[in-house]
Protein backbone atom coordinates (compact mmCIF):
# COMPACT_ATOMS: atom_id res chain seq x y z
CA UNK A 1 120.15 135.98 81.03
CA UNK A 2 117.98 133.03 79.95
CA UNK A 3 116.76 132.58 83.52
CA UNK A 4 115.88 136.28 83.66
CA UNK A 5 113.77 136.09 80.49
CA UNK A 6 112.00 132.94 81.62
CA UNK A 7 111.18 134.25 85.09
CA UNK A 8 110.00 137.69 83.92
CA UNK A 9 107.67 135.98 81.45
CA UNK A 10 106.37 133.63 84.17
CA UNK A 11 105.89 136.36 86.78
CA UNK A 12 104.77 139.11 84.40
CA UNK A 13 106.90 141.54 86.37
CA UNK A 14 110.61 142.38 86.75
CA UNK A 15 110.07 143.07 90.45
CA UNK A 16 108.48 139.67 91.11
CA UNK A 17 111.13 137.91 89.02
CA UNK A 18 113.85 139.68 91.01
CA UNK A 19 112.35 138.40 94.26
CA UNK A 20 112.15 134.83 92.91
CA UNK A 21 115.72 134.90 91.56
CA UNK A 22 117.09 136.85 94.54
CA UNK A 23 118.78 139.47 92.36
CA UNK A 24 118.31 143.23 91.96
CA UNK A 25 115.42 144.27 89.72
CA UNK A 26 117.69 146.90 88.12
CA UNK A 27 120.15 144.18 87.08
CA UNK A 28 117.40 142.22 85.31
CA UNK A 29 116.07 145.35 83.64
CA UNK A 30 119.56 146.34 82.36
CA UNK A 31 120.13 142.86 80.90
CA UNK A 32 116.78 142.85 79.09
CA UNK A 33 117.30 146.37 77.70
CA UNK A 34 120.80 145.44 76.50
CA UNK A 35 119.46 142.34 74.77
CA UNK A 36 116.64 144.32 73.12
CA UNK A 37 119.18 146.81 71.83
CA UNK A 38 121.37 144.02 70.51
CA UNK A 39 118.42 142.40 68.70
CA UNK A 40 116.94 145.68 67.57
CA UNK A 41 113.44 144.84 68.76
CA UNK A 42 111.53 144.95 72.05
CA UNK A 43 111.05 141.63 73.85
CA UNK A 44 108.36 142.83 76.27
CA UNK A 45 105.50 145.29 76.22
CA UNK A 46 105.91 147.44 79.31
CA UNK A 47 102.34 147.89 80.54
CA UNK A 48 101.24 149.42 83.86
CA UNK A 49 102.25 146.83 86.46
CA UNK A 50 102.90 144.13 83.86
CA UNK A 51 105.55 142.90 81.43
CA UNK A 52 103.99 141.07 78.48
CA UNK A 53 106.17 139.28 75.88
CA UNK A 54 106.06 140.57 72.31
CA UNK A 55 106.02 138.13 69.38
CA UNK A 56 109.83 138.31 69.28
CA UNK A 57 109.90 137.82 73.03
CA UNK A 58 107.75 134.68 72.77
CA UNK A 59 110.22 133.20 70.27
CA UNK A 60 113.23 133.94 72.47
CA UNK A 61 111.52 132.79 75.67
CA UNK A 62 110.59 129.45 74.06
CA UNK A 63 114.24 129.06 73.04
CA UNK A 64 115.37 130.00 76.55
CA UNK A 65 113.10 127.42 78.18
CA UNK A 66 114.20 124.70 75.81
CA UNK A 67 117.86 125.55 76.47
CA UNK A 68 117.32 125.58 80.23
CA UNK A 69 115.60 122.19 80.09
CA UNK A 70 118.50 120.64 78.20
CA UNK A 71 120.94 122.32 80.57
CA UNK A 72 119.20 120.73 83.57
CA UNK A 73 119.31 117.32 81.91
CA UNK A 74 123.01 117.72 81.15
CA UNK A 75 123.73 118.63 84.76
CA UNK A 76 121.74 115.60 85.96
CA UNK A 77 123.73 113.30 83.68
CA UNK A 78 127.02 114.82 84.81
CA UNK A 79 126.00 114.26 88.45
CA UNK A 80 125.20 110.64 87.60
CA UNK A 81 128.60 110.18 85.98
CA UNK A 82 130.32 111.40 89.14
CA UNK A 83 129.13 108.21 90.84
CA UNK A 84 128.89 105.52 88.18
CA UNK A 85 127.78 102.94 90.75
CA UNK A 86 124.42 104.64 91.00
CA UNK A 87 123.48 104.81 87.33
CA UNK A 88 119.77 105.41 86.77
CA UNK A 89 117.21 104.91 84.03
CA UNK A 90 113.62 106.07 83.56
CA UNK A 91 111.04 103.74 82.00
CA UNK A 92 107.43 104.30 81.00
CA UNK A 93 105.12 101.31 80.80
CA UNK A 94 101.51 100.17 81.20
CA UNK A 95 99.99 98.67 84.34
CA UNK A 96 99.96 94.98 83.50
CA UNK A 97 103.58 94.96 82.36
CA UNK A 98 104.70 96.98 85.38
CA UNK A 99 103.41 94.39 87.82
CA UNK A 100 104.58 91.32 85.91
CA UNK A 101 107.12 91.11 83.08
CA UNK A 102 108.94 94.40 83.69
CA UNK A 103 109.18 94.08 87.47
CA UNK A 104 110.84 90.66 87.20
CA UNK A 105 113.20 91.86 84.46
CA UNK A 106 114.32 94.82 86.57
CA UNK A 107 114.72 92.65 89.66
CA UNK A 108 116.95 90.24 87.70
CA UNK A 109 119.02 93.17 86.44
CA UNK A 110 119.52 94.57 89.96
CA UNK A 111 120.70 91.19 91.22
CA UNK A 112 123.55 91.49 88.74
CA UNK A 113 124.07 95.25 89.23
CA UNK A 114 122.73 96.19 92.67
CA UNK A 115 123.92 99.81 92.44
CA UNK A 116 121.34 100.82 89.87
CA UNK A 117 118.20 102.88 90.22
CA UNK A 118 115.02 102.91 88.18
CA UNK A 119 112.13 105.34 87.84
CA UNK A 120 109.08 103.58 86.38
CA UNK A 121 106.01 105.54 85.31
CA UNK A 122 102.68 103.93 84.37
CA UNK A 123 101.15 105.94 81.52
CA UNK A 124 98.77 105.52 78.56
CA UNK A 125 100.49 104.24 75.41
CA UNK A 126 100.08 107.56 73.58
CA UNK A 127 101.75 109.47 76.43
CA UNK A 128 104.58 106.91 76.63
CA UNK A 129 105.42 107.43 72.96
CA UNK A 130 105.36 111.22 73.27
CA UNK A 131 107.50 111.40 76.41
CA UNK A 132 110.13 108.96 75.13
CA UNK A 133 110.31 110.77 71.75
CA UNK A 134 110.74 114.09 73.58
CA UNK A 135 113.57 112.70 75.71
CA UNK A 136 111.60 113.11 78.95
CA UNK A 137 111.86 109.35 79.65
CA UNK A 138 114.64 106.99 78.56
CA UNK A 139 112.66 103.92 77.50
CA UNK A 140 109.12 102.87 76.69
CA UNK A 141 107.88 99.30 77.22
CA UNK A 142 104.25 98.89 76.26
CA UNK A 143 101.58 97.47 73.96
CA UNK A 144 100.46 99.03 70.69
CA UNK A 145 102.53 102.19 70.84
CA UNK A 146 101.48 104.68 68.14
CA UNK A 147 103.83 105.58 65.29
CA UNK A 148 105.66 108.64 66.55
CA UNK A 149 108.43 110.70 64.90
CA UNK A 150 111.83 110.52 66.61
CA UNK A 151 111.09 107.12 68.16
CA UNK A 152 113.12 103.95 67.52
CA UNK A 153 111.59 100.50 68.05
CA UNK A 154 114.40 98.30 69.39
CA UNK A 155 112.32 95.11 69.51
CA UNK A 156 108.69 94.04 69.27
CA UNK A 157 106.51 90.95 69.33
CA UNK A 158 102.86 90.04 68.86
CA UNK A 159 101.14 88.58 71.91
CA UNK A 160 97.75 86.88 72.02
CA UNK A 161 94.88 87.20 74.46
CA UNK A 162 92.96 84.54 76.31
CA UNK A 163 91.72 83.20 79.64
CA UNK A 164 93.67 83.44 82.90
CA UNK A 165 92.53 80.96 85.57
CA UNK A 166 93.74 78.90 88.50
CA UNK A 167 95.38 75.48 87.90
CA UNK A 168 92.57 73.60 89.67
CA UNK A 169 89.82 75.24 87.60
CA UNK A 170 87.47 72.96 85.70
CA UNK A 171 88.75 74.30 82.36
CA UNK A 172 92.47 74.29 83.24
CA UNK A 173 93.25 71.06 81.37
CA UNK A 174 92.11 72.44 78.00
CA UNK A 175 94.70 73.59 75.44
CA UNK A 176 92.21 75.89 73.70
CA UNK A 177 88.96 77.47 74.82
CA UNK A 178 85.93 78.69 72.92
CA UNK A 179 83.73 81.55 74.04
CA UNK A 180 80.92 79.09 74.71
CA UNK A 181 83.11 77.34 77.29
CA UNK A 182 83.05 80.52 79.42
CA UNK A 183 79.27 80.85 79.77
CA UNK A 184 78.98 78.93 83.05
CA UNK A 185 81.75 80.81 84.87
CA UNK A 186 82.18 84.27 86.41
CA UNK A 187 84.27 86.49 84.15
CA UNK A 188 86.74 89.26 84.97
CA UNK A 189 87.36 91.73 82.15
CA UNK A 190 88.83 95.11 81.20
CA UNK A 191 86.31 97.94 80.98
CA UNK A 192 84.59 98.82 77.69
CA UNK A 193 86.81 101.16 75.71
CA UNK A 194 89.90 99.08 76.39
CA UNK A 195 90.89 97.45 73.10
CA UNK A 196 90.94 93.91 74.52
CA UNK A 197 87.42 94.26 75.95
CA UNK A 198 86.07 95.75 72.74
CA UNK A 199 87.49 92.87 70.69
CA UNK A 200 86.08 90.35 73.18
CA UNK A 201 82.61 91.91 73.02
CA UNK A 202 82.77 91.97 69.21
CA UNK A 203 83.71 88.27 69.12
CA UNK A 204 80.82 87.47 71.49
CA UNK A 205 78.36 89.41 69.34
CA UNK A 206 79.58 87.58 66.23
CA UNK A 207 79.03 84.25 68.03
CA UNK A 208 75.58 85.29 69.27
CA UNK A 209 76.69 85.29 72.89
CA UNK A 210 76.24 87.79 75.69
CA UNK A 211 78.92 87.36 78.38
CA UNK A 212 78.87 89.89 81.23
CA UNK A 213 81.66 90.22 83.81
CA UNK A 214 81.34 90.04 87.59
CA UNK A 215 84.18 92.59 87.70
CA UNK A 216 85.42 95.05 85.08
CA UNK A 217 88.27 97.51 85.55
CA UNK A 218 90.93 99.48 83.68
CA UNK A 219 93.44 98.16 86.23
CA UNK A 220 95.01 95.03 84.78
CA UNK A 221 96.69 94.35 88.13
CA UNK A 222 93.24 94.18 89.78
CA UNK A 223 91.90 91.86 87.08
CA UNK A 224 94.84 89.51 87.49
CA UNK A 225 94.70 89.56 91.29
CA UNK A 226 90.94 88.95 91.36
CA UNK A 227 91.44 85.83 89.26
CA UNK A 228 94.23 84.67 91.59
CA UNK A 229 91.75 85.06 94.47
CA UNK A 230 89.59 82.43 92.75
CA UNK A 231 86.88 84.90 91.76
CA UNK A 232 86.58 83.87 88.14
CA UNK A 233 88.31 83.72 84.76
CA UNK A 234 90.15 86.87 83.69
CA UNK A 235 90.39 87.89 80.04
CA UNK A 236 93.93 89.20 79.62
CA UNK A 237 96.95 89.35 77.35
CA UNK A 238 99.41 86.49 77.82
CA UNK A 239 102.29 88.87 78.49
CA UNK A 240 100.32 90.62 81.26
CA UNK A 241 100.32 87.37 83.25
CA UNK A 242 103.52 85.81 81.96
CA UNK A 243 105.26 85.16 85.26
CA UNK A 244 102.18 83.71 86.97
CA UNK A 245 101.67 81.40 83.97
CA UNK A 246 105.31 80.24 83.78
CA UNK A 247 105.56 79.72 87.54
CA UNK A 248 102.42 77.53 87.58
CA UNK A 249 100.60 79.93 89.88
CA UNK A 250 97.87 80.17 87.24
CA UNK A 251 97.10 79.00 83.71
CA UNK A 252 96.80 80.98 80.49
CA UNK A 253 94.69 79.38 77.73
CA UNK A 254 94.12 80.97 74.29
CA UNK A 255 90.53 81.59 73.15
CA UNK A 256 89.84 80.41 69.60
CA UNK A 257 87.60 83.33 68.63
CA UNK A 258 90.33 85.80 69.68
CA UNK A 259 93.14 84.02 67.82
CA UNK A 260 93.42 86.76 65.20
CA UNK A 261 93.57 89.52 67.79
CA UNK A 262 97.10 90.22 68.99
CA UNK A 263 98.73 93.16 70.68
CA UNK A 264 102.24 94.31 69.83
CA UNK A 265 104.66 94.65 72.73
CA UNK A 266 107.59 96.97 71.99
CA UNK A 267 110.62 98.45 73.69
CA UNK A 268 111.37 101.91 72.31
CA UNK A 269 113.83 104.74 72.83
CA UNK A 270 114.47 108.17 71.38
CA UNK A 271 115.88 108.09 67.85
CA UNK A 272 118.15 111.10 68.24
CA UNK A 273 121.06 111.25 70.65
CA UNK A 274 123.02 108.55 72.36
CA UNK A 275 121.57 106.49 75.19
CA UNK A 276 123.40 106.50 78.50
CA UNK A 277 124.99 103.13 79.44
CA UNK A 278 122.25 101.89 81.78
CA UNK A 279 119.30 102.60 79.44
CA UNK A 280 121.35 101.08 76.62
CA UNK A 281 121.90 97.90 78.65
CA UNK A 282 118.19 97.76 79.49
CA UNK A 283 117.25 98.06 75.82
CA UNK A 284 119.42 95.01 75.12
CA UNK A 285 117.98 93.11 78.11
CA UNK A 286 114.34 93.84 77.26
CA UNK A 287 114.94 93.15 73.57
CA UNK A 288 116.39 89.74 74.47
CA UNK A 289 113.44 89.08 76.76
CA UNK A 290 111.00 89.87 73.94
CA UNK A 291 112.95 87.64 71.54
CA UNK A 292 112.89 84.74 74.02
CA UNK A 293 109.12 85.00 74.43
CA UNK A 294 108.52 85.34 70.72
CA UNK A 295 110.29 82.03 70.10
CA UNK A 296 108.71 80.30 73.13
């Protein structure tokens, strides 16, 4: 019955809904009439060639769609449980983390549990928070997630920003850089509008400096890779380039004028309902990873 309501509302016609559902139009019509009689109110306006939901119909159709969505999710989880070897988890993250910290964490996990599957989506922080809170995605792993109802922060840490450069660069031996140190070198930066770039530009203006990039992009993977190709110094968050820094492939050096600017990295999950085993394990793993970096 719920499928019938949903499809008639989508198609605007019992006949078209019957074709989509591969059932007799008379069967759909009888079910809708019986439900209207039970509720004591019409659910559709029967116009020439069109079925349009009434106010009561809109309420019931919204309920039907929500129920059908949860039903599909329940069936998917049951199918997963039939073969526990192939447990899966969905994760939403931002670009820099996807290509560095998260990819290595997931690779380590699969070495221990090779029969696991992951779906990783790269989304804006606001969309990550909304989709995780709605139960569309299991986990969120991102910077500066907005406060969102029905969202639990499992772990978080503040991470600073600075210069990302090759080990043989002229400035690589310094423990701390100042904006003035960057004037003689090509710079690689996020685009204006990205919080890190805006803070960098504000710090430059306060210091009376004008530093323009040779490359700007909203792709943090491109910024990192361009620096690794010896094209300049990239201005990035330490966590975005964590593995390259720890492996010695490149160097991360804090910038004094940006010392007060940090971004908060968090792992989040939906507050209501119980996490499936694999997402629950990943929350623990990512929380431990955050804790290890916070104390490093």
